[in-house]
Amino acid sequence: MTVLAIYPGLTGVFSGDWWRYYGFLQIYSLRTEPLGLPPAWTLGVEVVFYAVLPLLAVLAARRPLDRSSARRPLRSDPAGRIHIVALTGLILGSTAFRVWGMRASPGSTLTIWPPALIGWFAGGMLLATLSVRRQAAGDPAGEGPGGPLAATACWLAAGLGAVGLALLLPNQLFPPNEPVLRFAFENLAYIAIATLIVAPAVGVVGRGGLPARVLAFRPLRLIGVISYGVYLWHYPIIQTLHDHGLGDSGTLSTLGLSTVALALASAAAALSYIMVERPARRLR
């Protein structure tokens, strides 16, 4: 953010609101939310989740999973049932908060506050609970039911869901004044799609099949290593290229913008990974 605030220049970073951007607090004001490094708004949600996670772990530990209970069906496993019901409730509750935020104050940022998005994290926690339950029952880690066929089915279902949403819903993601039921459905559908994509990787269903073949593709794995940097760098690079006339007209122009921006963002991400991320991960 500091580098990009120097060039090409990010609005707000060196203003009196600097503490909002460096403190991951820009999402709590409509005035500051789109400024600074725009993609980094998600960090404001993530840091809150990581701060709350120990509390959630303490609550879950009050009813721990064990091998004897994990071998039984969920209907006869109180601890497992409580975990799953609680996490499902967290998904539904966060969706309800998001709907309320959308209706309560159209000029606010309530729909991207942590309570509105905790359901996305709860989807991952639900997968983790199911995976740990299988391991507690003595199943080998990662050897979920269904094998490669189930793994492929998860990705196909996620792909069909994404295509279906693209055809059924408006072009804009979560547009203003969207009907309540459609807004809630859209939120839950995207959580379900994301959960299906991740499921084959955590042993909830069997590994292999299409997901294993795609994820074993070496160039894709290398992009995965630097993907967080791509996420942070891409928007200012796209904006700068567009300001210089690339992508102004037509599909080919937009394709050219996307190609050049991806190449530049990947190069910047690789550099920042080598100089910043990798050394930081080695700190103890």
C-alpha atoms as a PDB file:
ATOM      1  CA  MET A   1       0.000   0.000   0.000  1.00  0.00           C
ATOM      2  CA  THR A   2       2.820   2.416   0.829  1.00  0.00           C
ATOM      3  CA  VAL A   3       4.597   1.725  -2.467  1.00  0.00           C
ATOM      4  CA  LEU A   4       1.403   2.164  -4.474  1.00  0.00           C
ATOM      5  CA  ALA A   5       0.523   5.326  -2.557  1.00  0.00           C
ATOM      6  CA  ILE A   6       3.807   6.817  -3.801  1.00  0.00           C
ATOM      7  CA  TYR A   7       3.216   5.643  -7.379  1.00  0.00           C
ATOM      8  CA  PRO A   8       0.771   5.651  -9.083  1.00  0.00           C
ATOM      9  CA  GLY A   9      -0.865   7.204  -6.010  1.00  0.00           C
ATOM     10  CA  LEU A  10      -3.643   5.905  -3.792  1.00  0.00           C
ATOM     11  CA  THR A  11      -6.233   8.345  -2.519  1.00  0.00           C
ATOM     12  CA  GLY A  12      -6.364   8.753   1.242  1.00  0.00           C
ATOM     13  CA  VAL A  13      -3.295   6.793   2.362  1.00  0.00           C
ATOM     14  CA  PHE A  14      -1.227   9.873   3.230  1.00  0.00           C
ATOM     15  CA  SER A  15      -4.209  11.888   4.498  1.00  0.00           C
ATOM     16  CA  GLY A  16      -5.462  12.410   8.027  1.00  0.00           C
ATOM     17  CA  ASP A  17      -7.285   9.085   7.667  1.00  0.00           C
ATOM     18  CA  TRP A  18      -4.029   7.170   7.226  1.00  0.00           C
ATOM     19  CA  TRP A  19      -4.704   5.222  10.442  1.00  0.00           C
ATOM     20  CA  ARG A  20      -7.871   3.787   8.958  1.00  0.00           C
ATOM     21  CA  TYR A  21      -6.032   2.204   6.019  1.00  0.00           C
ATOM     22  CA  TYR A  22      -3.039   0.948   7.998  1.00  0.00           C
ATOM     23  CA  GLY A  23      -5.339  -0.269  10.770  1.00  0.00           C
ATOM     24  CA  PHE A  24      -7.724  -2.157   8.453  1.00  0.00           C
ATOM     25  CA  LEU A  25     -10.582   0.146   9.472  1.00  0.00           C
ATOM     26  CA  GLN A  26     -11.591   1.708   6.151  1.00  0.00           C
ATOM     27  CA  ILE A  27     -14.621  -0.596   5.804  1.00  0.00           C
ATOM     28  CA  TYR A  28     -16.492   1.128   8.641  1.00  0.00           C
ATOM     29  CA  SER A  29     -17.057   4.357   6.727  1.00  0.00           C
ATOM     30  CA  LEU A  30     -18.626   4.836   3.307  1.00  0.00           C
ATOM     31  CA  ARG A  31     -16.232   7.746   2.771  1.00  0.00           C
ATOM     32  CA  THR A  32     -13.062   5.674   3.204  1.00  0.00           C
ATOM     33  CA  GLU A  33     -14.180   2.200   2.091  1.00  0.00           C
ATOM     34  CA  PRO A  34     -13.415   2.645  -1.649  1.00  0.00           C
ATOM     35  CA  LEU A  35     -10.126   4.512  -1.063  1.00  0.00           C
ATOM     36  CA  GLY A  36      -6.641   3.397  -0.085  1.00  0.00           C
ATOM     37  CA  LEU A  37      -5.849  -0.012  -1.557  1.00  0.00           C
ATOM     38  CA  PRO A  38      -9.395  -1.058  -2.550  1.00  0.00           C
ATOM     39  CA  PRO A  39      -8.977  -4.880  -2.573  1.00  0.00           C
ATOM     40  CA  ALA A  40      -7.524  -4.709   0.958  1.00  0.00           C
ATOM     41  CA  TRP A  41     -10.978  -3.985   2.384  1.00  0.00           C
ATOM     42  CA  THR A  42     -11.278  -7.734   2.986  1.00  0.00           C
ATOM     43  CA  LEU A  43      -8.401  -7.566   5.467  1.00  0.00           C
ATOM     44  CA  GLY A  44     -10.656  -5.535   7.748  1.00  0.00           C
ATOM     45  CA  VAL A  45     -12.908  -8.578   7.970  1.00  0.00           C
ATOM     46  CA  GLU A  46     -10.116 -11.148   8.140  1.00  0.00           C
ATOM     47  CA  VAL A  47      -8.258  -9.584  11.082  1.00  0.00           C
ATOM     48  CA  VAL A  48     -11.488  -9.520  13.105  1.00  0.00           C
ATOM     49  CA  PHE A  49     -12.114 -13.191  12.339  1.00  0.00           C
ATOM     50  CA  TYR A  50      -8.591 -14.151  13.394  1.00  0.00           C
ATOM     51  CA  ALA A  51      -9.066 -12.189  16.617  1.00  0.00           C
ATOM     52  CA  VAL A  52     -12.384 -13.932  17.340  1.00  0.00           C
ATOM     53  CA  LEU A  53     -11.194 -17.419  16.323  1.00  0.00           C
ATOM     54  CA  PRO A  54      -9.635 -18.279  19.739  1.00  0.00           C
ATOM     55  CA  LEU A  55     -12.970 -17.512  21.395  1.00  0.00           C
ATOM     56  CA  LEU A  56     -14.780 -19.752  18.923  1.00  0.00           C
ATOM     57  CA  ALA A  57     -12.219 -22.479  19.611  1.00  0.00           C
ATOM     58  CA  VAL A  58     -12.852 -22.182  23.368  1.00  0.00           C
ATOM     59  CA  LEU A  59     -16.584 -22.513  22.796  1.00  0.00           C
ATOM     60  CA  ALA A  60     -16.068 -25.552  20.550  1.00  0.00           C
ATOM     61  CA  ALA A  61     -13.753 -27.149  23.125  1.00  0.00           C
ATOM     62  CA  ARG A  62     -16.610 -27.231  25.636  1.00  0.00           C
ATOM     63  CA  ARG A  63     -18.039 -30.102  23.545  1.00  0.00           C
ATOM     64  CA  PRO A  64     -14.923 -31.712  21.991  1.00  0.00           C
ATOM     65  CA  LEU A  65     -15.074 -34.409  19.340  1.00  0.00           C
ATOM     66  CA  ASP A  66     -13.627 -37.796  20.279  1.00  0.00           C
ATOM     67  CA  ARG A  67     -13.044 -41.073  18.490  1.00  0.00           C
ATOM     68  CA  SER A  68     -15.915 -42.933  20.081  1.00  0.00           C
ATOM     69  CA  SER A  69     -18.514 -40.307  19.209  1.00  0.00           C
ATOM     70  CA  ALA A  70     -17.089 -39.635  15.743  1.00  0.00           C
ATOM     71  CA  ARG A  71     -17.624 -43.271  14.765  1.00  0.00           C
ATOM     72  CA  ARG A  72     -21.348 -42.905  15.370  1.00  0.00           C
ATOM     73  CA  PRO A  73     -23.835 -41.224  13.016  1.00  0.00           C
ATOM     74  CA  LEU A  74     -24.379 -37.528  13.661  1.00  0.00           C
ATOM     75  CA  ARG A  75     -27.822 -38.179  15.111  1.00  0.00           C
ATOM     76  CA  SER A  76     -26.167 -40.070  18.003  1.00  0.00           C
ATOM     77  CA  ASP A  77     -23.164 -37.744  18.336  1.00  0.00           C
ATOM     78  CA  PRO A  78     -24.199 -34.703  20.424  1.00  0.00           C
ATOM     79  CA  ALA A  79     -20.851 -32.897  20.174  1.00  0.00           C
ATOM     80  CA  GLY A  80     -20.618 -33.231  16.394  1.00  0.00           C
ATOM     81  CA  ARG A  81     -24.239 -32.267  15.972  1.00  0.00           C
ATOM     82  CA  ILE A  82     -23.818 -29.161  18.145  1.00  0.00           C
ATOM     83  CA  HIS A  83     -20.742 -28.050  16.173  1.00  0.00           C
ATOM     84  CA  ILE A  84     -22.474 -28.448  12.825  1.00  0.00           C
ATOM     85  CA  VAL A  85     -25.720 -26.830  13.947  1.00  0.00           C
ATOM     86  CA  ALA A  86     -23.806 -23.908  15.491  1.00  0.00           C
ATOM     87  CA  LEU A  87     -21.774 -23.291  12.339  1.00  0.00           C
ATOM     88  CA  THR A  88     -24.851 -23.586  10.129  1.00  0.00           C
ATOM     89  CA  GLY A  89     -26.540 -21.071  12.408  1.00  0.00           C
ATOM     90  CA  LEU A  90     -23.537 -18.771  12.025  1.00  0.00           C
ATOM     91  CA  ILE A  91     -23.920 -18.916   8.232  1.00  0.00           C
ATOM     92  CA  LEU A  92     -27.644 -18.159   8.406  1.00  0.00           C
ATOM     93  CA  GLY A  93     -27.170 -15.487  11.078  1.00  0.00           C
ATOM     94  CA  SER A  94     -24.502 -13.647   9.086  1.00  0.00           C
ATOM     95  CA  THR A  95     -26.743 -13.756   6.017  1.00  0.00           C
ATOM     96  CA  ALA A  96     -29.594 -12.286   8.061  1.00  0.00           C
ATOM     97  CA  PHE A  97     -27.292  -9.515   9.341  1.00  0.00           C
ATOM     98  CA  ARG A  98     -26.199  -8.760   5.796  1.00  0.00           C
ATOM     99  CA  VAL A  99     -29.788  -8.540   4.600  1.00  0.00           C
ATOM    100  CA  TRP A 100     -30.627  -6.289   7.544  1.00  0.00           C
ATOM    101  CA  GLY A 101     -27.622  -4.089   6.770  1.00  0.00           C
ATOM    102  CA  MET A 102     -28.669  -3.776   3.154  1.00  0.00           C
ATOM    103  CA  ARG A 103     -32.187  -2.691   4.151  1.00  0.00           C
ATOM    104  CA  ALA A 104     -31.416  -0.691   7.311  1.00  0.00           C
ATOM    105  CA  SER A 105     -29.066   1.887   5.832  1.00  0.00           C
ATOM    106  CA  PRO A 106     -28.456   1.953   2.074  1.00  0.00           C
ATOM    107  CA  GLY A 107     -25.734   4.595   2.548  1.00  0.00           C
ATOM    108  CA  SER A 108     -23.683   2.504   4.990  1.00  0.00           C
ATOM    109  CA  THR A 109     -21.115  -0.276   4.722  1.00  0.00           C
ATOM    110  CA  LEU A 110     -22.931  -2.691   7.038  1.00  0.00           C
ATOM    111  CA  THR A 111     -23.048  -5.383   4.356  1.00  0.00           C
ATOM    112  CA  ILE A 112     -19.245  -5.765   4.513  1.00  0.00           C
ATOM    113  CA  TRP A 113     -18.831  -5.540   8.285  1.00  0.00           C
ATOM    114  CA  PRO A 114     -17.454  -8.726   9.921  1.00  0.00           C
ATOM    115  CA  PRO A 115     -20.836  -9.951  11.267  1.00  0.00           C
ATOM    116  CA  ALA A 116     -22.194  -9.860   7.707  1.00  0.00           C
ATOM    117  CA  LEU A 117     -19.334 -11.957   6.289  1.00  0.00           C
ATOM    118  CA  ILE A 118     -18.516 -14.352   9.117  1.00  0.00           C
ATOM    119  CA  GLY A 119     -20.658 -16.918   7.303  1.00  0.00           C
ATOM    120  CA  TRP A 120     -17.969 -17.270   4.643  1.00  0.00           C
ATOM    121  CA  PHE A 121     -15.500 -18.295   7.343  1.00  0.00           C
ATOM    122  CA  ALA A 122     -18.102 -20.550   8.948  1.00  0.00           C
ATOM    123  CA  GLY A 123     -18.341 -22.507   5.691  1.00  0.00           C
ATOM    124  CA  GLY A 124     -14.645 -23.335   5.972  1.00  0.00           C
ATOM    125  CA  MET A 125     -15.016 -24.124   9.671  1.00  0.00           C
ATOM    126  CA  LEU A 126     -17.856 -26.506   8.809  1.00  0.00           C
ATOM    127  CA  LEU A 127     -15.574 -28.346   6.384  1.00  0.00           C
ATOM    128  CA  ALA A 128     -12.853 -28.464   9.039  1.00  0.00           C
ATOM    129  CA  THR A 129     -15.282 -29.934  11.579  1.00  0.00           C
ATOM    130  CA  LEU A 130     -16.370 -32.673   9.178  1.00  0.00           C
ATOM    131  CA  SER A 131     -12.751 -33.399   8.249  1.00  0.00           C
ATOM    132  CA  VAL A 132     -11.602 -33.645  11.884  1.00  0.00           C
ATOM    133  CA  ARG A 133     -14.595 -35.823  12.675  1.00  0.00           C
ATOM    134  CA  ARG A 134     -13.508 -38.284   9.988  1.00  0.00           C
ATOM    135  CA  GLN A 135      -9.951 -38.302  11.317  1.00  0.00           C
ATOM    136  CA  ALA A 136     -11.198 -38.809  14.882  1.00  0.00           C
ATOM    137  CA  ALA A 137     -13.121 -41.829  13.618  1.00  0.00           C
ATOM    138  CA  GLY A 138      -9.856 -43.321  12.370  1.00  0.00           C
ATOM    139  CA  ASP A 139     -10.250 -42.606   8.672  1.00  0.00           C
ATOM    140  CA  PRO A 140      -6.975 -41.681   6.896  1.00  0.00           C
ATOM    141  CA  ALA A 141      -6.549 -37.932   6.489  1.00  0.00           C
ATOM    142  CA  GLY A 142      -7.793 -36.803   3.110  1.00  0.00           C
ATOM    143  CA  GLU A 143      -9.473 -40.123   2.247  1.00  0.00           C
ATOM    144  CA  GLY A 144     -13.043 -38.905   2.337  1.00  0.00           C
ATOM    145  CA  PRO A 145     -16.022 -40.808   0.957  1.00  0.00           C
ATOM    146  CA  GLY A 146     -16.729 -41.162  -2.727  1.00  0.00           C
ATOM    147  CA  GLY A 147     -13.170 -41.043  -4.022  1.00  0.00           C
ATOM    148  CA  PRO A 148     -12.217 -39.153  -7.206  1.00  0.00           C
ATOM    149  CA  LEU A 149     -15.794 -39.249  -8.509  1.00  0.00           C
ATOM    150  CA  ALA A 150     -17.081 -37.303  -5.489  1.00  0.00           C
ATOM    151  CA  ALA A 151     -14.247 -34.774  -5.787  1.00  0.00           C
ATOM    152  CA  THR A 152     -15.071 -34.170  -9.453  1.00  0.00           C
ATOM    153  CA  ALA A 153     -18.793 -33.934  -8.638  1.00  0.00           C
ATOM    154  CA  CYS A 154     -18.094 -31.173  -6.106  1.00  0.00           C
ATOM    155  CA  TRP A 155     -16.307 -29.062  -8.703  1.00  0.00           C
ATOM    156  CA  LEU A 156     -18.915 -29.739 -11.375  1.00  0.00           C
ATOM    157  CA  ALA A 157     -21.687 -28.734  -8.956  1.00  0.00           C
ATOM    158  CA  ALA A 158     -19.775 -25.555  -8.071  1.00  0.00           C
ATOM    159  CA  GLY A 159     -19.280 -24.740 -11.762  1.00  0.00           C
ATOM    160  CA  LEU A 160     -22.922 -25.337 -12.614  1.00  0.00           C
ATOM    161  CA  GLY A 161     -23.947 -23.216  -9.642  1.00  0.00           C
ATOM    162  CA  ALA A 162     -21.739 -20.337 -10.783  1.00  0.00           C
ATOM    163  CA  VAL A 163     -23.091 -20.519 -14.341  1.00  0.00           C
ATOM    164  CA  GLY A 164     -26.644 -20.720 -13.024  1.00  0.00           C
ATOM    165  CA  LEU A 165     -26.179 -17.634 -10.876  1.00  0.00           C
ATOM    166  CA  ALA A 166     -24.638 -15.746 -13.797  1.00  0.00           C
ATOM    167  CA  LEU A 167     -27.712 -16.523 -15.898  1.00  0.00           C
ATOM    168  CA  LEU A 168     -30.361 -15.978 -13.221  1.00  0.00           C
ATOM    169  CA  LEU A 169     -29.106 -12.938 -11.329  1.00  0.00           C
ATOM    170  CA  PRO A 170     -28.358  -9.366 -12.455  1.00  0.00           C
ATOM    171  CA  ASN A 171     -25.002  -8.553 -14.017  1.00  0.00           C
ATOM    172  CA  GLN A 172     -23.870  -6.587 -10.973  1.00  0.00           C
ATOM    173  CA  LEU A 173     -22.768  -8.553  -7.901  1.00  0.00           C
ATOM    174  CA  PHE A 174     -25.135  -7.766  -4.998  1.00  0.00           C
ATOM    175  CA  PRO A 175     -26.725  -4.737  -6.708  1.00  0.00           C
ATOM    176  CA  PRO A 176     -28.351  -1.953  -4.639  1.00  0.00           C
ATOM    177  CA  ASN A 177     -32.038  -2.386  -3.785  1.00  0.00           C
ATOM    178  CA  GLU A 178     -31.956  -6.088  -4.637  1.00  0.00           C
ATOM    179  CA  PRO A 179     -35.038  -7.945  -3.306  1.00  0.00           C
ATOM    180  CA  VAL A 180     -34.417  -9.403   0.151  1.00  0.00           C
ATOM    181  CA  LEU A 181     -34.973 -13.050  -0.744  1.00  0.00           C
ATOM    182  CA  ARG A 182     -32.776 -12.843  -3.829  1.00  0.00           C
ATOM    183  CA  PHE A 183     -30.049 -11.068  -1.864  1.00  0.00           C
ATOM    184  CA  ALA A 184     -30.108 -13.791   0.822  1.00  0.00           C
ATOM    185  CA  PHE A 185     -30.198 -16.565  -1.795  1.00  0.00           C
ATOM    186  CA  GLU A 186     -27.246 -15.044  -3.644  1.00  0.00           C
ATOM    187  CA  ASN A 187     -25.188 -14.825  -0.466  1.00  0.00           C
ATOM    188  CA  LEU A 188     -25.927 -18.424   0.558  1.00  0.00           C
ATOM    189  CA  ALA A 189     -25.348 -19.697  -2.982  1.00  0.00           C
ATOM    190  CA  TYR A 190     -21.870 -18.188  -3.170  1.00  0.00           C
ATOM    191  CA  ILE A 191     -20.967 -19.649   0.228  1.00  0.00           C
ATOM    192  CA  ALA A 192     -22.148 -23.058  -1.003  1.00  0.00           C
ATOM    193  CA  ILE A 193     -20.121 -22.754  -4.218  1.00  0.00           C
ATOM    194  CA  ALA A 194     -16.955 -21.797  -2.331  1.00  0.00           C
ATOM    195  CA  THR A 195     -17.484 -24.675   0.109  1.00  0.00           C
ATOM    196  CA  LEU A 196     -17.885 -27.180  -2.728  1.00  0.00           C
ATOM    197  CA  ILE A 197     -14.657 -25.980  -4.337  1.00  0.00           C
ATOM    198  CA  VAL A 198     -12.657 -26.495  -1.132  1.00  0.00           C
ATOM    199  CA  ALA A 199     -14.310 -29.748   0.015  1.00  0.00           C
ATOM    200  CA  PRO A 200     -12.087 -32.135  -2.018  1.00  0.00           C
ATOM    201  CA  ALA A 201      -8.931 -30.602  -0.494  1.00  0.00           C
ATOM    202  CA  VAL A 202      -9.777 -31.271   3.168  1.00  0.00           C
ATOM    203  CA  GLY A 203     -10.897 -34.888   3.165  1.00  0.00           C
ATOM    204  CA  VAL A 204     -14.634 -34.288   3.416  1.00  0.00           C
ATOM    205  CA  VAL A 205     -14.964 -36.075   0.078  1.00  0.00           C
ATOM    206  CA  GLY A 206     -12.359 -38.227  -1.617  1.00  0.00           C
ATOM    207  CA  ARG A 207      -9.433 -36.610  -3.365  1.00  0.00           C
ATOM    208  CA  GLY A 208      -8.382 -37.127  -6.962  1.00  0.00           C
ATOM    209  CA  GLY A 209     -10.382 -36.710 -10.142  1.00  0.00           C
ATOM    210  CA  LEU A 210     -10.631 -33.361 -11.919  1.00  0.00           C
ATOM    211  CA  PRO A 211      -9.571 -31.214  -8.888  1.00  0.00           C
ATOM    212  CA  ALA A 212      -6.341 -33.183  -8.421  1.00  0.00           C
ATOM    213  CA  ARG A 213      -5.446 -32.957 -12.110  1.00  0.00           C
ATOM    214  CA  VAL A 214      -6.096 -29.220 -12.285  1.00  0.00           C
ATOM    215  CA  LEU A 215      -4.290 -28.408  -9.036  1.00  0.00           C
ATOM    216  CA  ALA A 216      -1.282 -30.537 -10.032  1.00  0.00           C
ATOM    217  CA  PHE A 217      -0.659 -28.234 -13.036  1.00  0.00           C
ATOM    218  CA  ARG A 218       2.682 -26.659 -12.111  1.00  0.00           C
ATOM    219  CA  PRO A 219       2.109 -23.130 -13.541  1.00  0.00           C
ATOM    220  CA  LEU A 220      -1.176 -22.940 -11.658  1.00  0.00           C
ATOM    221  CA  ARG A 221       0.542 -24.018  -8.438  1.00  0.00           C
ATOM    222  CA  LEU A 222       3.185 -21.315  -8.894  1.00  0.00           C
ATOM    223  CA  ILE A 223       0.458 -18.711  -9.386  1.00  0.00           C
ATOM    224  CA  GLY A 224      -1.169 -20.067  -6.224  1.00  0.00           C
ATOM    225  CA  VAL A 225       1.991 -19.333  -4.240  1.00  0.00           C
ATOM    226  CA  ILE A 226       1.940 -15.649  -5.245  1.00  0.00           C
ATOM    227  CA  SER A 227      -1.849 -15.332  -5.552  1.00  0.00           C
ATOM    228  CA  TYR A 228      -2.269 -13.094  -2.518  1.00  0.00           C
ATOM    229  CA  GLY A 229       0.166 -10.615  -4.014  1.00  0.00           C
ATOM    230  CA  VAL A 230      -1.738 -10.718  -7.314  1.00  0.00           C
ATOM    231  CA  TYR A 231      -4.893  -9.925  -5.350  1.00  0.00           C
ATOM    232  CA  LEU A 232      -3.294  -6.884  -3.714  1.00  0.00           C
ATOM    233  CA  TRP A 233      -1.450  -5.525  -6.766  1.00  0.00           C
ATOM    234  CA  HIS A 234      -3.942  -6.057  -9.568  1.00  0.00           C
ATOM    235  CA  TYR A 235      -6.424  -3.208  -9.017  1.00  0.00           C
ATOM    236  CA  PRO A 236      -3.989  -0.251  -9.030  1.00  0.00           C
ATOM    237  CA  ILE A 237      -2.198  -1.758 -12.040  1.00  0.00           C
ATOM    238  CA  ILE A 238      -5.468  -2.130 -13.963  1.00  0.00           C
ATOM    239  CA  GLN A 239      -6.480   1.424 -13.027  1.00  0.00           C
ATOM    240  CA  THR A 240      -3.132   2.864 -14.148  1.00  0.00           C
ATOM    241  CA  LEU A 241      -3.204   0.993 -17.464  1.00  0.00           C
ATOM    242  CA  HIS A 242      -6.775   2.135 -18.066  1.00  0.00           C
ATOM    243  CA  ASP A 243      -5.819   5.750 -17.290  1.00  0.00           C
ATOM    244  CA  HIS A 244      -3.175   5.472 -20.004  1.00  0.00           C
ATOM    245  CA  GLY A 245      -5.731   4.390 -22.597  1.00  0.00           C
ATOM    246  CA  LEU A 246      -5.614   0.603 -22.492  1.00  0.00           C
ATOM    247  CA  GLY A 247      -8.999  -1.094 -22.409  1.00  0.00           C
ATOM    248  CA  ASP A 248     -11.021   1.926 -23.484  1.00  0.00           C
ATOM    249  CA  SER A 249     -13.091   0.258 -26.175  1.00  0.00           C
ATOM    250  CA  GLY A 250     -14.178  -3.161 -27.321  1.00  0.00           C
ATOM    251  CA  THR A 251     -13.722  -6.729 -26.220  1.00  0.00           C
ATOM    252  CA  LEU A 252     -10.220  -7.058 -27.671  1.00  0.00           C
ATOM    253  CA  SER A 253      -9.101  -3.934 -25.870  1.00  0.00           C
ATOM    254  CA  THR A 254     -10.485  -5.297 -22.599  1.00  0.00           C
ATOM    255  CA  LEU A 255      -8.773  -8.627 -23.242  1.00  0.00           C
ATOM    256  CA  GLY A 256      -5.501  -6.804 -23.863  1.00  0.00           C
ATOM    257  CA  LEU A 257      -5.909  -4.877 -20.624  1.00  0.00           C
ATOM    258  CA  SER A 258      -6.583  -8.079 -18.696  1.00  0.00           C
ATOM    259  CA  THR A 259      -3.583  -9.870 -20.224  1.00  0.00           C
ATOM    260  CA  VAL A 260      -1.118  -7.058 -19.595  1.00  0.00           C
ATOM    261  CA  ALA A 261      -2.483  -6.412 -16.106  1.00  0.00           C
ATOM    262  CA  LEU A 262      -2.216 -10.099 -15.169  1.00  0.00           C
ATOM    263  CA  ALA A 263       1.387 -10.247 -16.376  1.00  0.00           C
ATOM    264  CA  LEU A 264       2.385  -7.091 -14.481  1.00  0.00           C
ATOM    265  CA  ALA A 265       0.474  -8.055 -11.341  1.00  0.00           C
ATOM    266  CA  SER A 266       2.070 -11.525 -11.378  1.00  0.00           C
ATOM    267  CA  ALA A 267       5.552 -10.011 -11.745  1.00  0.00           C
ATOM    268  CA  ALA A 268       4.917  -7.567  -8.897  1.00  0.00           C
ATOM    269  CA  ALA A 269       3.444 -10.336  -6.759  1.00  0.00           C
ATOM    270  CA  ALA A 270       6.444 -12.604  -7.369  1.00  0.00           C
ATOM    271  CA  LEU A 271       8.809  -9.803  -6.388  1.00  0.00           C
ATOM    272  CA  SER A 272       6.883  -8.938  -3.229  1.00  0.00           C
ATOM    273  CA  TYR A 273       6.655 -12.633  -2.332  1.00  0.00           C
ATOM    274  CA  ILE A 274      10.439 -13.023  -2.573  1.00  0.00           C
ATOM    275  CA  MET A 275      11.211  -9.756  -0.781  1.00  0.00           C
ATOM    276  CA  VAL A 276       8.410  -9.555   1.792  1.00  0.00           C
ATOM    277  CA  GLU A 277       6.151 -12.590   2.193  1.00  0.00           C
ATOM    278  CA  ARG A 278       8.718 -15.381   2.218  1.00  0.00           C
ATOM    279  CA  PRO A 279      11.108 -13.642   4.653  1.00  0.00           C
ATOM    280  CA  ALA A 280       8.166 -12.749   6.911  1.00  0.00           C
ATOM    281  CA  ARG A 281       6.997 -16.374   6.994  1.00  0.00           C
ATOM    282  CA  ARG A 282      10.440 -17.449   8.193  1.00  0.00           C
ATOM    283  CA  LEU A 283      10.259 -15.204  11.260  1.00  0.00           C
ATOM    284  CA  ARG A 284       9.817 -16.999  14.555  1.00  0.00           C
END
